[in-house]
Amino acid sequence: MLAFHQTVTVPQDHILHLRVPNIPKGEEVEVLVLSKQNGVDPRIAQIALAAKDPLFLQDIQEIADDFKFVDSEHI
């Protein structure tokens, strides 16, 4: 299997032209188009950033510390 990556900008007419490497004429190929922006909820990206934010992680750790004794109690 031969794979190659190419980034293009969608033109106004929405017709993409691709240059393929040296593949024999008439050979069947599969084309996959992935949009980098459409369909992605910006809130998901913010959640992903929060998961690495030091202040957020510190807040979560403080909350966990506050409740660690409560979690160990049996009612």
PDB file of N, CA and C in Angstrom:
ATOM      1  N   MET A   1       0.843  -1.166   0.000  1.00  0.00           N
ATOM      2  CA  MET A   1       0.000   0.000   0.000  1.00  0.00           C
ATOM      3  C   MET A   1       0.894   1.236   0.000  1.00  0.00           C
ATOM      4  N   LEU A   2       0.567   2.182  -0.831  1.00  0.00           N
ATOM      5  CA  LEU A   2       1.270   3.458  -0.902  1.00  0.00           C
ATOM      6  C   LEU A   2       0.356   4.515  -0.298  1.00  0.00           C
ATOM      7  N   ALA A   3       0.872   5.340   0.595  1.00  0.00           N
ATOM      8  CA  ALA A   3       0.085   6.406   1.187  1.00  0.00           C
ATOM      9  C   ALA A   3       0.858   7.707   1.088  1.00  0.00           C
ATOM     10  N   PHE A   4       0.148   8.791   0.824  1.00  0.00           N
ATOM     11  CA  PHE A   4       0.785  10.095   0.833  1.00  0.00           C
ATOM     12  C   PHE A   4      -0.200  11.109   1.391  1.00  0.00           C
ATOM     13  N   HIS A   5       0.352  12.190   1.920  1.00  0.00           N
ATOM     14  CA  HIS A   5      -0.445  13.220   2.565  1.00  0.00           C
ATOM     15  C   HIS A   5      -0.283  14.513   1.784  1.00  0.00           C
ATOM     16  N   GLN A   6      -1.398  15.207   1.601  1.00  0.00           N
ATOM     17  CA  GLN A   6      -1.349  16.465   0.879  1.00  0.00           C
ATOM     18  C   GLN A   6      -2.389  17.392   1.512  1.00  0.00           C
ATOM     19  N   THR A   7      -2.012  18.607   1.850  1.00  0.00           N
ATOM     20  CA  THR A   7      -2.950  19.575   2.406  1.00  0.00           C
ATOM     21  C   THR A   7      -3.296  20.585   1.328  1.00  0.00           C
ATOM     22  N   VAL A   8      -4.585  20.768   1.103  1.00  0.00           N
ATOM     23  CA  VAL A   8      -5.049  21.722   0.097  1.00  0.00           C
ATOM     24  C   VAL A   8      -6.111  22.617   0.712  1.00  0.00           C
ATOM     25  N   THR A   9      -6.332  23.759   0.106  1.00  0.00           N
ATOM     26  CA  THR A   9      -7.393  24.672   0.522  1.00  0.00           C
ATOM     27  C   THR A   9      -8.572  24.476  -0.411  1.00  0.00           C
ATOM     28  N   VAL A  10      -9.761  24.388   0.155  1.00  0.00           N
ATOM     29  CA  VAL A  10     -10.957  24.182  -0.662  1.00  0.00           C
ATOM     30  C   VAL A  10     -11.241  25.467  -1.434  1.00  0.00           C
ATOM     31  N   PRO A  11     -11.282  25.379  -2.769  1.00  0.00           N
ATOM     32  CA  PRO A  11     -11.556  26.571  -3.566  1.00  0.00           C
ATOM     33  C   PRO A  11     -13.045  26.916  -3.552  1.00  0.00           C
ATOM     34  N   GLN A  12     -13.360  28.065  -4.092  1.00  0.00           N
ATOM     35  CA  GLN A  12     -14.733  28.541  -4.090  1.00  0.00           C
ATOM     36  C   GLN A  12     -15.678  27.582  -4.812  1.00  0.00           C
ATOM     37  N   ASP A  13     -15.200  26.912  -5.849  1.00  0.00           N
ATOM     38  CA  ASP A  13     -16.056  25.981  -6.590  1.00  0.00           C
ATOM     39  C   ASP A  13     -16.121  24.585  -5.954  1.00  0.00           C
ATOM     40  N   HIS A  14     -15.384  24.379  -4.860  1.00  0.00           N
ATOM     41  CA  HIS A  14     -15.371  23.117  -4.114  1.00  0.00           C
ATOM     42  C   HIS A  14     -14.894  21.924  -4.942  1.00  0.00           C
ATOM     43  N   ILE A  15     -14.082  22.186  -5.934  1.00  0.00           N
ATOM     44  CA  ILE A  15     -13.504  21.110  -6.746  1.00  0.00           C
ATOM     45  C   ILE A  15     -12.021  21.025  -6.417  1.00  0.00           C
ATOM     46  N   LEU A  16     -11.594  19.864  -5.934  1.00  0.00           N
ATOM     47  CA  LEU A  16     -10.197  19.665  -5.571  1.00  0.00           C
ATOM     48  C   LEU A  16      -9.452  18.974  -6.709  1.00  0.00           C
ATOM     49  N   HIS A  17      -8.228  19.421  -6.943  1.00  0.00           N
ATOM     50  CA  HIS A  17      -7.354  18.788  -7.925  1.00  0.00           C
ATOM     51  C   HIS A  17      -6.161  18.239  -7.150  1.00  0.00           C
ATOM     52  N   LEU A  18      -5.897  16.964  -7.285  1.00  0.00           N
ATOM     53  CA  LEU A  18      -4.809  16.314  -6.551  1.00  0.00           C
ATOM     54  C   LEU A  18      -3.745  15.819  -7.505  1.00  0.00           C
ATOM     55  N   ARG A  19      -2.502  15.998  -7.130  1.00  0.00           N
ATOM     56  CA  ARG A  19      -1.389  15.412  -7.875  1.00  0.00           C
ATOM     57  C   ARG A  19      -0.999  14.145  -7.122  1.00  0.00           C
ATOM     58  N   VAL A  20      -1.032  13.029  -7.807  1.00  0.00           N
ATOM     59  CA  VAL A  20      -0.699  11.756  -7.170  1.00  0.00           C
ATOM     60  C   VAL A  20       0.707  11.344  -7.581  1.00  0.00           C
ATOM     61  N   PRO A  21       1.362  10.578  -6.704  1.00  0.00           N
ATOM     62  CA  PRO A  21       2.710  10.111  -7.060  1.00  0.00           C
ATOM     63  C   PRO A  21       2.645   9.148  -8.242  1.00  0.00           C
ATOM     64  N   ASN A  22       3.752   8.574  -8.579  1.00  0.00           N
ATOM     65  CA  ASN A  22       3.856   7.699  -9.736  1.00  0.00           C
ATOM     66  C   ASN A  22       3.044   6.421  -9.543  1.00  0.00           C
ATOM     67  N   ILE A  23       1.768   6.499  -9.875  1.00  0.00           N
ATOM     68  CA  ILE A  23       0.851   5.352  -9.784  1.00  0.00           C
ATOM     69  C   ILE A  23       0.444   5.016 -11.215  1.00  0.00           C
ATOM     70  N   PRO A  24       0.461   3.743 -11.584  1.00  0.00           N
ATOM     71  CA  PRO A  24       0.109   3.371 -12.962  1.00  0.00           C
ATOM     72  C   PRO A  24      -1.277   3.890 -13.362  1.00  0.00           C
ATOM     73  N   LYS A  25      -1.378   4.347 -14.580  1.00  0.00           N
ATOM     74  CA  LYS A  25      -2.637   4.855 -15.124  1.00  0.00           C
ATOM     75  C   LYS A  25      -3.699   3.762 -15.060  1.00  0.00           C
ATOM     76  N   GLY A  26      -4.884   4.134 -14.616  1.00  0.00           N
ATOM     77  CA  GLY A  26      -5.991   3.191 -14.540  1.00  0.00           C
ATOM     78  C   GLY A  26      -6.074   2.433 -13.223  1.00  0.00           C
ATOM     79  N   GLU A  27      -5.053   2.556 -12.376  1.00  0.00           N
ATOM     80  CA  GLU A  27      -5.083   1.865 -11.087  1.00  0.00           C
ATOM     81  C   GLU A  27      -6.099   2.543 -10.172  1.00  0.00           C
ATOM     82  N   GLU A  28      -6.850   1.728  -9.466  1.00  0.00           N
ATOM     83  CA  GLU A  28      -7.856   2.257  -8.552  1.00  0.00           C
ATOM     84  C   GLU A  28      -7.189   2.719  -7.259  1.00  0.00           C
ATOM     85  N   VAL A  29      -7.561   3.916  -6.790  1.00  0.00           N
ATOM     86  CA  VAL A  29      -7.046   4.464  -5.539  1.00  0.00           C
ATOM     87  C   VAL A  29      -8.228   4.899  -4.676  1.00  0.00           C
ATOM     88  N   GLU A  30      -7.965   5.021  -3.403  1.00  0.00           N
ATOM     89  CA  GLU A  30      -8.989   5.472  -2.470  1.00  0.00           C
ATOM     90  C   GLU A  30      -8.610   6.874  -1.999  1.00  0.00           C
ATOM     91  N   VAL A  31      -9.569   7.791  -2.007  1.00  0.00           N
ATOM     92  CA  VAL A  31      -9.329   9.171  -1.594  1.00  0.00           C
ATOM     93  C   VAL A  31     -10.173   9.456  -0.363  1.00  0.00           C
ATOM     94  N   LEU A  32      -9.543  10.016   0.659  1.00  0.00           N
ATOM     95  CA  LEU A  32     -10.216  10.342   1.902  1.00  0.00           C
ATOM     96  C   LEU A  32     -10.011  11.824   2.170  1.00  0.00           C
ATOM     97  N   VAL A  33     -11.101  12.556   2.422  1.00  0.00           N
ATOM     98  CA  VAL A  33     -11.014  13.985   2.699  1.00  0.00           C
ATOM     99  C   VAL A  33     -11.383  14.210   4.159  1.00  0.00           C
ATOM    100  N   LEU A  34     -10.466  14.811   4.917  1.00  0.00           N
ATOM    101  CA  LEU A  34     -10.699  15.113   6.329  1.00  0.00           C
ATOM    102  C   LEU A  34     -10.649  16.618   6.518  1.00  0.00           C
ATOM    103  N   SER A  35     -11.697  17.168   7.069  1.00  0.00           N
ATOM    104  CA  SER A  35     -11.716  18.598   7.355  1.00  0.00           C
ATOM    105  C   SER A  35     -11.092  18.836   8.717  1.00  0.00           C
ATOM    106  N   LYS A  36     -10.258  19.843   8.821  1.00  0.00           N
ATOM    107  CA  LYS A  36      -9.611  20.138  10.091  1.00  0.00           C
ATOM    108  C   LYS A  36     -10.513  20.941  11.022  1.00  0.00           C
ATOM    109  N   GLN A  37     -11.575  21.561  10.505  1.00  0.00           N
ATOM    110  CA  GLN A  37     -12.367  22.435  11.353  1.00  0.00           C
ATOM    111  C   GLN A  37     -13.846  22.094  11.390  1.00  0.00           C
ATOM    112  N   ASN A  38     -14.440  21.763  10.282  1.00  0.00           N
ATOM    113  CA  ASN A  38     -15.885  21.539  10.265  1.00  0.00           C
ATOM    114  C   ASN A  38     -16.285  20.373  11.140  1.00  0.00           C
ATOM    115  N   GLY A  39     -17.341  20.565  11.900  1.00  0.00           N
ATOM    116  CA  GLY A  39     -17.884  19.496  12.716  1.00  0.00           C
ATOM    117  C   GLY A  39     -17.219  19.351  14.074  1.00  0.00           C
ATOM    118  N   VAL A  40     -16.208  20.147  14.365  1.00  0.00           N
ATOM    119  CA  VAL A  40     -15.541  20.059  15.656  1.00  0.00           C
ATOM    120  C   VAL A  40     -16.106  21.144  16.561  1.00  0.00           C
ATOM    121  N   ASP A  41     -16.683  20.729  17.655  1.00  0.00           N
ATOM    122  CA  ASP A  41     -17.243  21.670  18.613  1.00  0.00           C
ATOM    123  C   ASP A  41     -16.088  22.361  19.331  1.00  0.00           C
ATOM    124  N   PRO A  42     -16.018  23.681  19.309  1.00  0.00           N
ATOM    125  CA  PRO A  42     -14.895  24.373  19.953  1.00  0.00           C
ATOM    126  C   PRO A  42     -14.814  24.104  21.449  1.00  0.00           C
ATOM    127  N   ARG A  43     -15.933  23.738  22.065  1.00  0.00           N
ATOM    128  CA  ARG A  43     -15.903  23.419  23.498  1.00  0.00           C
ATOM    129  C   ARG A  43     -15.081  22.164  23.766  1.00  0.00           C
ATOM    130  N   ILE A  44     -15.084  21.223  22.839  1.00  0.00           N
ATOM    131  CA  ILE A  44     -14.284  20.007  22.995  1.00  0.00           C
ATOM    132  C   ILE A  44     -12.802  20.369  23.021  1.00  0.00           C
ATOM    133  N   ALA A  45     -12.395  21.276  22.164  1.00  0.00           N
ATOM    134  CA  ALA A  45     -10.997  21.703  22.137  1.00  0.00           C
ATOM    135  C   ALA A  45     -10.623  22.384  23.451  1.00  0.00           C
ATOM    136  N   GLN A  46     -11.535  23.165  24.016  1.00  0.00           N
ATOM    137  CA  GLN A  46     -11.260  23.825  25.292  1.00  0.00           C
ATOM    138  C   GLN A  46     -11.126  22.812  26.417  1.00  0.00           C
ATOM    139  N   ILE A  47     -11.937  21.771  26.395  1.00  0.00           N
ATOM    140  CA  ILE A  47     -11.844  20.720  27.416  1.00  0.00           C
ATOM    141  C   ILE A  47     -10.493  20.017  27.309  1.00  0.00           C
ATOM    142  N   ALA A  48     -10.064  19.762  26.095  1.00  0.00           N
ATOM    143  CA  ALA A  48      -8.769  19.112  25.894  1.00  0.00           C
ATOM    144  C   ALA A  48      -7.632  19.995  26.420  1.00  0.00           C
ATOM    145  N   LEU A  49      -7.742  21.292  26.223  1.00  0.00           N
ATOM    146  CA  LEU A  49      -6.724  22.202  26.753  1.00  0.00           C
ATOM    147  C   LEU A  49      -6.760  22.241  28.278  1.00  0.00           C
ATOM    148  N   ALA A  50      -7.945  22.217  28.859  1.00  0.00           N
ATOM    149  CA  ALA A  50      -8.075  22.261  30.320  1.00  0.00           C
ATOM    150  C   ALA A  50      -7.420  21.048  30.959  1.00  0.00           C
ATOM    151  N   ALA A  51      -7.479  19.927  30.304  1.00  0.00           N
ATOM    152  CA  ALA A  51      -6.901  18.701  30.859  1.00  0.00           C
ATOM    153  C   ALA A  51      -5.391  18.808  31.046  1.00  0.00           C
ATOM    154  N   LYS A  52      -4.772  19.792  30.406  1.00  0.00           N
ATOM    155  CA  LYS A  52      -3.322  19.984  30.527  1.00  0.00           C
ATOM    156  C   LYS A  52      -2.973  21.278  31.254  1.00  0.00           C
ATOM    157  N   ASP A  53      -3.991  22.055  31.637  1.00  0.00           N
ATOM    158  CA  ASP A  53      -3.756  23.341  32.287  1.00  0.00           C
ATOM    159  C   ASP A  53      -3.310  23.131  33.734  1.00  0.00           C
ATOM    160  N   PRO A  54      -2.153  23.667  34.139  1.00  0.00           N
ATOM    161  CA  PRO A  54      -1.632  23.437  35.486  1.00  0.00           C
ATOM    162  C   PRO A  54      -2.557  23.936  36.595  1.00  0.00           C
ATOM    163  N   LEU A  55      -3.197  25.085  36.419  1.00  0.00           N
ATOM    164  CA  LEU A  55      -4.096  25.601  37.454  1.00  0.00           C
ATOM    165  C   LEU A  55      -5.334  24.717  37.606  1.00  0.00           C
ATOM    166  N   PHE A  56      -5.859  24.253  36.485  1.00  0.00           N
ATOM    167  CA  PHE A  56      -7.015  23.359  36.529  1.00  0.00           C
ATOM    168  C   PHE A  56      -6.645  22.053  37.237  1.00  0.00           C
ATOM    169  N   LEU A  57      -5.506  21.503  36.885  1.00  0.00           N
ATOM    170  CA  LEU A  57      -5.068  20.253  37.504  1.00  0.00           C
ATOM    171  C   LEU A  57      -4.820  20.434  38.999  1.00  0.00           C
ATOM    172  N   GLN A  58      -4.303  21.606  39.382  1.00  0.00           N
ATOM    173  CA  GLN A  58      -4.089  21.886  40.798  1.00  0.00           C
ATOM    174  C   GLN A  58      -5.430  21.976  41.535  1.00  0.00           C
ATOM    175  N   ASP A  59      -6.419  22.612  40.929  1.00  0.00           N
ATOM    176  CA  ASP A  59      -7.753  22.688  41.533  1.00  0.00           C
ATOM    177  C   ASP A  59      -8.356  21.302  41.724  1.00  0.00           C
ATOM    178  N   ILE A  60      -8.222  20.470  40.730  1.00  0.00           N
ATOM    179  CA  ILE A  60      -8.767  19.107  40.811  1.00  0.00           C
ATOM    180  C   ILE A  60      -8.073  18.334  41.936  1.00  0.00           C
ATOM    181  N   GLN A  61      -6.758  18.492  42.050  1.00  0.00           N
ATOM    182  CA  GLN A  61      -6.008  17.798  43.103  1.00  0.00           C
ATOM    183  C   GLN A  61      -6.443  18.289  44.488  1.00  0.00           C
ATOM    184  N   GLU A  62      -6.662  19.595  44.635  1.00  0.00           N
ATOM    185  CA  GLU A  62      -7.115  20.141  45.919  1.00  0.00           C
ATOM    186  C   GLU A  62      -8.495  19.601  46.295  1.00  0.00           C
ATOM    187  N   ILE A  63      -9.371  19.500  45.333  1.00  0.00           N
ATOM    188  CA  ILE A  63     -10.709  18.939  45.599  1.00  0.00           C
ATOM    189  C   ILE A  63     -10.590  17.475  45.997  1.00  0.00           C
ATOM    190  N   ALA A  64      -9.749  16.733  45.297  1.00  0.00           N
ATOM    191  CA  ALA A  64      -9.548  15.321  45.630  1.00  0.00           C
ATOM    192  C   ALA A  64      -8.982  15.181  47.039  1.00  0.00           C
ATOM    193  N   ASP A  65      -8.043  16.059  47.410  1.00  0.00           N
ATOM    194  CA  ASP A  65      -7.463  16.028  48.758  1.00  0.00           C
ATOM    195  C   ASP A  65      -8.517  16.344  49.817  1.00  0.00           C
ATOM    196  N   ASP A  66      -9.401  17.300  49.524  1.00  0.00           N
ATOM    197  CA  ASP A  66     -10.459  17.673  50.467  1.00  0.00           C
ATOM    198  C   ASP A  66     -11.405  16.505  50.750  1.00  0.00           C
ATOM    199  N   PHE A  67     -11.620  15.658  49.768  1.00  0.00           N
ATOM    200  CA  PHE A  67     -12.600  14.582  49.913  1.00  0.00           C
ATOM    201  C   PHE A  67     -11.992  13.205  50.146  1.00  0.00           C
ATOM    202  N   LYS A  68     -10.678  13.110  50.245  1.00  0.00           N
ATOM    203  CA  LYS A  68     -10.066  11.784  50.355  1.00  0.00           C
ATOM    204  C   LYS A  68     -10.493  11.053  51.626  1.00  0.00           C
ATOM    205  N   PHE A  69     -10.717  11.769  52.725  1.00  0.00           N
ATOM    206  CA  PHE A  69     -11.144  11.110  53.957  1.00  0.00           C
ATOM    207  C   PHE A  69     -12.625  10.728  53.895  1.00  0.00           C
ATOM    208  N   VAL A  70     -13.415  11.557  53.240  1.00  0.00           N
ATOM    209  CA  VAL A  70     -14.848  11.254  53.082  1.00  0.00           C
ATOM    210  C   VAL A  70     -15.018   9.998  52.241  1.00  0.00           C
ATOM    211  N   ASP A  71     -14.209   9.879  51.208  1.00  0.00           N
ATOM    212  CA  ASP A  71     -14.308   8.717  50.319  1.00  0.00           C
ATOM    213  C   ASP A  71     -13.965   7.427  51.053  1.00  0.00           C
ATOM    214  N   SER A  72     -13.131   7.502  52.076  1.00  0.00           N
ATOM    215  CA  SER A  72     -12.728   6.283  52.784  1.00  0.00           C
ATOM    216  C   SER A  72     -13.688   5.888  53.889  1.00  0.00           C
ATOM    217  N   GLU A  73     -14.635   6.777  54.233  1.00  0.00           N
ATOM    218  CA  GLU A  73     -15.603   6.453  55.293  1.00  0.00           C
ATOM    219  C   GLU A  73     -16.689   5.528  54.750  1.00  0.00           C
ATOM    220  N   HIS A  74     -17.147   4.647  55.603  1.00  0.00           N
ATOM    221  CA  HIS A  74     -18.251   3.756  55.220  1.00  0.00           C
ATOM    222  C   HIS A  74     -19.468   4.169  56.026  1.00  0.00           C
ATOM    223  N   ILE A  75     -20.526   4.416  55.356  1.00  0.00           N
ATOM    224  CA  ILE A  75     -21.752   4.859  56.039  1.00  0.00           C
ATOM    225  C   ILE A  75     -22.645   3.691  56.329  1.00  0.00           C
TER     226      ILE A  75
END
